[in-house]
């Protein structure tokens, strides 16, 4: 008699929840955590995984406009983006002619010790 109840309990645990074809993973998680036949730890884990997709995350952002309208700030940003970028390291060095670059590099710095 005791063996029959154990077998019935094991059969209940092995049953998968009824999930129709074409459901999303969120719907599967919801079906599992709403199923009272599933163990509590499985239901809690599924609820934790589904939570970010069910409830939106609230966040706040602050934009300092310095007393300007959004349109004025947008126009300033557009005009800044159309200016050429400043050079960080000053003007670029003059380019060498191709004949100079075809020659082998000079070995002016030799850090290898030779005995």
N, C-alpha and C. Protein backbone atom coordinates (compact mmCIF):
# COMPACT_ATOMS: atom_id res chain seq x y z
N UNK A 1 0.83 -1.18 0.00
CA UNK A 1 0.00 0.00 0.00
C UNK A 1 0.89 1.26 0.00
N UNK A 2 1.92 1.24 0.81
CA UNK A 2 2.83 2.37 0.88
C UNK A 2 3.57 2.53 -0.44
N UNK A 3 3.90 1.42 -1.07
CA UNK A 3 4.61 1.45 -2.34
C UNK A 3 3.76 2.07 -3.44
N UNK A 4 2.47 1.84 -3.40
CA UNK A 4 1.56 2.39 -4.41
C UNK A 4 1.50 3.91 -4.31
N UNK A 5 1.49 4.44 -3.09
CA UNK A 5 1.42 5.90 -2.94
C UNK A 5 2.73 6.55 -3.38
N UNK A 6 3.85 5.85 -3.12
CA UNK A 6 5.15 6.38 -3.56
C UNK A 6 5.21 6.40 -5.08
N UNK A 7 4.75 5.33 -5.71
CA UNK A 7 4.73 5.27 -7.17
C UNK A 7 3.83 6.36 -7.76
N UNK A 8 2.70 6.59 -7.13
CA UNK A 8 1.79 7.63 -7.62
C UNK A 8 2.42 9.02 -7.48
N UNK A 9 3.14 9.25 -6.37
CA UNK A 9 3.80 10.55 -6.17
C UNK A 9 4.91 10.75 -7.19
N UNK A 10 5.68 9.69 -7.47
CA UNK A 10 6.73 9.79 -8.48
C UNK A 10 6.16 10.04 -9.88
N UNK A 11 5.03 9.40 -10.16
CA UNK A 11 4.40 9.59 -11.47
C UNK A 11 3.93 11.04 -11.62
N UNK A 12 3.43 11.65 -10.54
CA UNK A 12 3.00 13.05 -10.59
C UNK A 12 4.18 13.98 -10.85
N UNK A 13 5.33 13.68 -10.21
CA UNK A 13 6.50 14.52 -10.39
C UNK A 13 7.06 14.43 -11.80
N UNK A 14 6.92 13.27 -12.42
CA UNK A 14 7.46 13.07 -13.76
C UNK A 14 6.58 13.65 -14.85
N UNK A 15 5.32 13.98 -14.50
CA UNK A 15 4.41 14.55 -15.50
C UNK A 15 4.87 15.96 -15.85
N UNK A 16 4.86 16.27 -17.12
CA UNK A 16 5.21 17.61 -17.58
C UNK A 16 3.93 18.43 -17.69
N UNK A 17 4.01 19.72 -17.47
CA UNK A 17 2.81 20.54 -17.58
C UNK A 17 2.30 20.58 -19.02
N UNK A 18 1.00 20.79 -19.16
CA UNK A 18 0.38 20.86 -20.48
C UNK A 18 0.78 22.17 -21.15
N UNK A 19 1.57 22.08 -22.19
CA UNK A 19 2.02 23.27 -22.91
C UNK A 19 1.72 23.07 -24.38
N UNK A 20 0.80 23.88 -24.95
CA UNK A 20 0.51 23.75 -26.38
C UNK A 20 1.70 24.15 -27.24
N UNK A 21 1.74 23.66 -28.46
CA UNK A 21 2.82 24.00 -29.39
C UNK A 21 2.77 25.48 -29.74
N UNK A 22 3.92 26.05 -29.97
CA UNK A 22 4.01 27.43 -30.40
C UNK A 22 4.03 28.44 -29.26
N UNK A 23 4.08 27.99 -28.02
CA UNK A 23 4.15 28.94 -26.91
C UNK A 23 5.55 29.48 -26.75
N UNK A 24 5.64 30.65 -26.20
CA UNK A 24 6.94 31.25 -25.95
C UNK A 24 7.54 30.67 -24.67
N UNK A 25 8.81 30.97 -24.45
CA UNK A 25 9.46 30.49 -23.24
C UNK A 25 8.85 31.14 -22.00
N UNK A 26 8.39 32.39 -22.12
CA UNK A 26 7.74 33.05 -20.99
C UNK A 26 6.45 32.33 -20.63
N UNK A 27 5.69 31.94 -21.62
CA UNK A 27 4.44 31.21 -21.35
C UNK A 27 4.72 29.85 -20.72
N UNK A 28 5.80 29.21 -21.12
CA UNK A 28 6.18 27.94 -20.50
C UNK A 28 6.54 28.15 -19.04
N UNK A 29 7.34 29.17 -18.76
CA UNK A 29 7.69 29.45 -17.36
C UNK A 29 6.45 29.76 -16.54
N UNK A 30 5.52 30.52 -17.10
CA UNK A 30 4.29 30.84 -16.39
C UNK A 30 3.46 29.59 -16.13
N UNK A 31 3.41 28.69 -17.10
CA UNK A 31 2.65 27.45 -16.90
C UNK A 31 3.26 26.60 -15.80
N UNK A 32 4.60 26.60 -15.71
CA UNK A 32 5.25 25.78 -14.68
C UNK A 32 5.05 26.39 -13.31
N UNK A 33 5.22 27.71 -13.15
CA UNK A 33 5.10 28.26 -11.80
C UNK A 33 3.65 28.38 -11.33
N UNK A 34 2.69 28.24 -12.24
CA UNK A 34 1.28 28.24 -11.84
C UNK A 34 0.78 26.83 -11.56
N UNK A 35 1.56 25.82 -11.93
CA UNK A 35 1.17 24.43 -11.74
C UNK A 35 1.45 24.01 -10.31
N UNK A 36 0.39 23.72 -9.56
CA UNK A 36 0.53 23.34 -8.14
C UNK A 36 1.16 21.96 -7.96
N UNK A 37 1.22 21.17 -9.02
CA UNK A 37 1.80 19.84 -8.91
C UNK A 37 3.33 19.88 -8.92
N UNK A 38 3.90 20.97 -9.39
CA UNK A 38 5.36 21.08 -9.45
C UNK A 38 5.91 21.37 -8.05
N UNK A 39 7.13 20.91 -7.77
CA UNK A 39 7.75 21.22 -6.48
C UNK A 39 7.93 22.72 -6.31
N UNK A 40 7.93 23.17 -5.06
CA UNK A 40 7.99 24.60 -4.78
C UNK A 40 9.28 25.22 -5.30
N UNK A 41 10.41 24.53 -5.14
CA UNK A 41 11.67 25.14 -5.60
C UNK A 41 11.69 25.33 -7.11
N UNK A 42 11.07 24.45 -7.87
CA UNK A 42 10.99 24.60 -9.33
C UNK A 42 10.07 25.76 -9.67
N UNK A 43 8.95 25.87 -8.98
CA UNK A 43 8.01 26.95 -9.25
C UNK A 43 8.62 28.31 -8.92
N UNK A 44 9.36 28.38 -7.80
CA UNK A 44 9.99 29.64 -7.42
C UNK A 44 11.05 30.03 -8.44
N UNK A 45 11.85 29.09 -8.88
CA UNK A 45 12.90 29.38 -9.86
C UNK A 45 12.29 29.88 -11.18
N UNK A 46 11.22 29.27 -11.62
CA UNK A 46 10.55 29.71 -12.85
C UNK A 46 9.96 31.10 -12.68
N UNK A 47 9.41 31.39 -11.50
CA UNK A 47 8.86 32.72 -11.25
C UNK A 47 9.96 33.77 -11.26
N UNK A 48 11.11 33.44 -10.69
CA UNK A 48 12.25 34.38 -10.68
C UNK A 48 12.71 34.66 -12.11
N UNK A 49 12.79 33.63 -12.94
CA UNK A 49 13.26 33.81 -14.32
C UNK A 49 12.25 34.58 -15.17
N UNK A 50 10.96 34.45 -14.87
CA UNK A 50 9.93 35.12 -15.67
C UNK A 50 9.69 36.56 -15.22
N UNK A 51 10.09 36.90 -14.00
CA UNK A 51 9.79 38.21 -13.42
C UNK A 51 10.25 39.40 -14.26
N UNK A 52 11.49 39.43 -14.79
CA UNK A 52 11.90 40.61 -15.57
C UNK A 52 11.07 40.83 -16.84
N UNK A 53 10.40 39.80 -17.34
CA UNK A 53 9.63 39.93 -18.57
C UNK A 53 8.17 40.25 -18.29
N UNK A 54 7.74 40.11 -17.03
CA UNK A 54 6.36 40.39 -16.68
C UNK A 54 6.18 41.79 -16.11
N UNK A 55 7.17 42.28 -15.37
CA UNK A 55 7.07 43.58 -14.72
C UNK A 55 8.18 44.46 -15.28
N UNK A 56 7.84 45.63 -15.83
CA UNK A 56 8.90 46.49 -16.38
C UNK A 56 9.79 47.04 -15.29
N UNK A 57 11.05 47.24 -15.64
CA UNK A 57 12.02 47.78 -14.69
C UNK A 57 11.89 49.30 -14.70
N UNK A 58 11.70 49.87 -13.53
CA UNK A 58 11.55 51.31 -13.44
C UNK A 58 12.92 51.95 -13.27
N UNK A 59 13.16 52.99 -14.04
CA UNK A 59 14.41 53.72 -13.92
C UNK A 59 14.13 55.18 -14.26
N UNK A 60 14.97 56.04 -13.76
CA UNK A 60 14.80 57.47 -14.01
C UNK A 60 16.08 58.02 -14.60
N UNK A 61 15.93 58.93 -15.53
CA UNK A 61 17.07 59.60 -16.12
C UNK A 61 16.83 61.10 -16.04
N UNK A 62 17.88 61.83 -15.81
CA UNK A 62 17.78 63.29 -15.73
C UNK A 62 18.64 63.90 -16.83
N UNK A 63 18.07 64.84 -17.54
CA UNK A 63 18.79 65.54 -18.59
C UNK A 63 18.80 67.02 -18.23
N UNK A 64 19.98 67.57 -18.08
CA UNK A 64 20.09 68.99 -17.76
C UNK A 64 20.04 69.78 -19.06
N UNK A 65 19.05 70.62 -19.19
CA UNK A 65 18.87 71.38 -20.42
C UNK A 65 19.41 72.81 -20.29
N UNK A 66 19.81 73.23 -19.12
CA UNK A 66 20.38 74.57 -18.89
C UNK A 66 19.45 75.68 -19.38
N UNK A 67 18.18 75.55 -19.14
CA UNK A 67 17.22 76.59 -19.50
C UNK A 67 16.90 76.67 -20.97
N UNK A 68 17.28 75.67 -21.76
CA UNK A 68 17.02 75.69 -23.20
C UNK A 68 15.90 74.72 -23.52
N UNK A 69 15.29 74.94 -24.65
CA UNK A 69 14.30 73.97 -25.10
C UNK A 69 15.03 72.78 -25.73
N UNK A 70 14.32 71.71 -25.93
CA UNK A 70 14.91 70.52 -26.52
C UNK A 70 15.37 70.81 -27.95
N UNK A 71 14.59 71.60 -28.68
CA UNK A 71 14.93 71.91 -30.07
C UNK A 71 16.25 72.68 -30.15
N UNK A 72 16.44 73.64 -29.24
CA UNK A 72 17.69 74.41 -29.25
C UNK A 72 18.89 73.51 -28.93
N UNK A 73 18.73 72.63 -27.95
CA UNK A 73 19.81 71.71 -27.61
C UNK A 73 20.13 70.77 -28.76
N UNK A 74 19.09 70.33 -29.46
CA UNK A 74 19.29 69.45 -30.61
C UNK A 74 20.02 70.18 -31.74
N UNK A 75 19.67 71.41 -32.00
CA UNK A 75 20.36 72.19 -33.03
C UNK A 75 21.83 72.39 -32.68
N UNK A 76 22.13 72.66 -31.40
CA UNK A 76 23.53 72.79 -30.98
C UNK A 76 24.29 71.50 -31.18
N UNK A 77 23.68 70.37 -30.86
CA UNK A 77 24.34 69.08 -31.03
C UNK A 77 24.60 68.78 -32.50
N UNK A 78 23.65 69.13 -33.36
CA UNK A 78 23.83 68.89 -34.80
C UNK A 78 24.96 69.76 -35.34
N UNK A 79 25.00 71.02 -34.91
CA UNK A 79 26.07 71.90 -35.41
C UNK A 79 27.44 71.44 -34.90
N UNK A 80 27.51 70.93 -33.67
CA UNK A 80 28.78 70.39 -33.15
C UNK A 80 29.22 69.16 -33.92
N UNK A 81 28.26 68.33 -34.32
CA UNK A 81 28.63 67.09 -35.02
C UNK A 81 29.12 67.35 -36.43
N UNK A 82 28.78 68.52 -37.01
CA UNK A 82 29.20 68.81 -38.37
C UNK A 82 30.57 69.47 -38.44
N UNK A 83 31.10 69.89 -37.31
CA UNK A 83 32.43 70.49 -37.29
C UNK A 83 33.48 69.40 -37.41
N UNK A 84 34.66 69.71 -37.99
CA UNK A 84 35.71 68.68 -38.07
C UNK A 84 36.24 68.38 -36.67
N UNK A 85 36.66 67.15 -36.48
CA UNK A 85 37.18 66.73 -35.19
C UNK A 85 38.54 67.37 -34.93
N UNK A 86 38.79 67.84 -33.71
CA UNK A 86 40.12 68.40 -33.42
C UNK A 86 41.15 67.28 -33.34
N UNK A 87 42.35 67.57 -33.76
CA UNK A 87 43.43 66.59 -33.70
C UNK A 87 43.95 66.52 -32.27
N UNK A 88 44.06 65.34 -31.73
CA UNK A 88 44.46 65.17 -30.34
C UNK A 88 45.96 65.38 -30.15
N UNK A 89 46.77 64.96 -31.08
CA UNK A 89 48.22 65.03 -30.93
C UNK A 89 48.85 66.06 -31.86
N UNK A 90 48.11 67.06 -32.22
CA UNK A 90 48.66 68.07 -33.11
C UNK A 90 48.56 67.63 -34.55
N UNK A 91 49.22 68.39 -35.44
CA UNK A 91 49.14 68.04 -36.87
C UNK A 91 49.87 66.73 -37.15
N UNK A 92 49.42 66.05 -38.17
CA UNK A 92 50.04 64.77 -38.52
C UNK A 92 51.40 65.03 -39.18
N UNK A 93 52.35 64.13 -39.03
CA UNK A 93 53.67 64.31 -39.64
C UNK A 93 53.55 64.26 -41.16
N UNK A 94 54.48 64.87 -41.86
CA UNK A 94 54.40 64.85 -43.33
C UNK A 94 54.57 63.43 -43.85
N UNK A 95 53.85 63.15 -44.89
CA UNK A 95 53.91 61.80 -45.47
C UNK A 95 55.20 61.64 -46.26
N UNK A 96 55.77 60.44 -46.18
CA UNK A 96 57.01 60.14 -46.89
C UNK A 96 56.70 59.67 -48.31
N UNK A 97 57.59 59.94 -49.24
CA UNK A 97 57.36 59.44 -50.60
C UNK A 97 57.50 57.92 -50.65
N UNK A 98 56.91 57.32 -51.67
CA UNK A 98 56.91 55.86 -51.79
C UNK A 98 58.32 55.30 -51.91
N UNK A 99 59.24 56.04 -52.57
CA UNK A 99 60.61 55.55 -52.73
C UNK A 99 61.29 55.40 -51.37
N UNK A 100 60.97 56.29 -50.47
CA UNK A 100 61.56 56.23 -49.13
C UNK A 100 61.02 55.03 -48.34
N UNK A 101 59.74 54.72 -48.53
CA UNK A 101 59.13 53.62 -47.79
C UNK A 101 59.55 52.26 -48.33
N UNK A 102 60.00 52.18 -49.56
CA UNK A 102 60.41 50.91 -50.14
C UNK A 102 61.77 50.45 -49.62
N UNK A 103 62.55 51.36 -49.08
CA UNK A 103 63.87 51.01 -48.57
C UNK A 103 63.72 50.22 -47.27
N UNK A 104 64.72 49.41 -46.91
CA UNK A 104 64.65 48.70 -45.63
C UNK A 104 64.74 49.68 -44.47
N UNK A 105 64.08 49.34 -43.38
CA UNK A 105 64.08 50.21 -42.21
C UNK A 105 65.47 50.25 -41.58
N UNK A 106 65.81 51.41 -41.07
CA UNK A 106 67.11 51.51 -40.41
C UNK A 106 67.00 50.87 -39.03
N UNK A 107 68.06 50.22 -38.62
CA UNK A 107 68.07 49.54 -37.33
C UNK A 107 68.78 50.45 -36.32
N UNK A 108 68.16 51.60 -36.04
CA UNK A 108 68.80 52.57 -35.18
C UNK A 108 68.69 52.23 -33.71
N UNK A 109 67.80 51.34 -33.36
CA UNK A 109 67.64 50.98 -31.95
C UNK A 109 67.77 49.49 -31.81
N UNK A 110 68.84 49.05 -31.26
CA UNK A 110 69.10 47.64 -31.12
C UNK A 110 69.15 47.30 -29.63
N UNK A 111 68.09 46.73 -29.11
CA UNK A 111 68.00 46.40 -27.69
C UNK A 111 68.52 45.01 -27.37
N UNK A 112 68.95 44.26 -28.37
CA UNK A 112 69.41 42.92 -28.11
C UNK A 112 70.87 42.94 -27.67
N UNK A 113 71.16 42.22 -26.64
CA UNK A 113 72.56 42.12 -26.19
C UNK A 113 73.24 40.98 -26.94
N UNK A 114 74.40 41.28 -27.41
CA UNK A 114 75.17 40.24 -28.09
C UNK A 114 76.50 40.08 -27.37
N UNK A 115 76.85 38.89 -27.12
CA UNK A 115 78.13 38.62 -26.41
C UNK A 115 79.12 38.03 -27.35
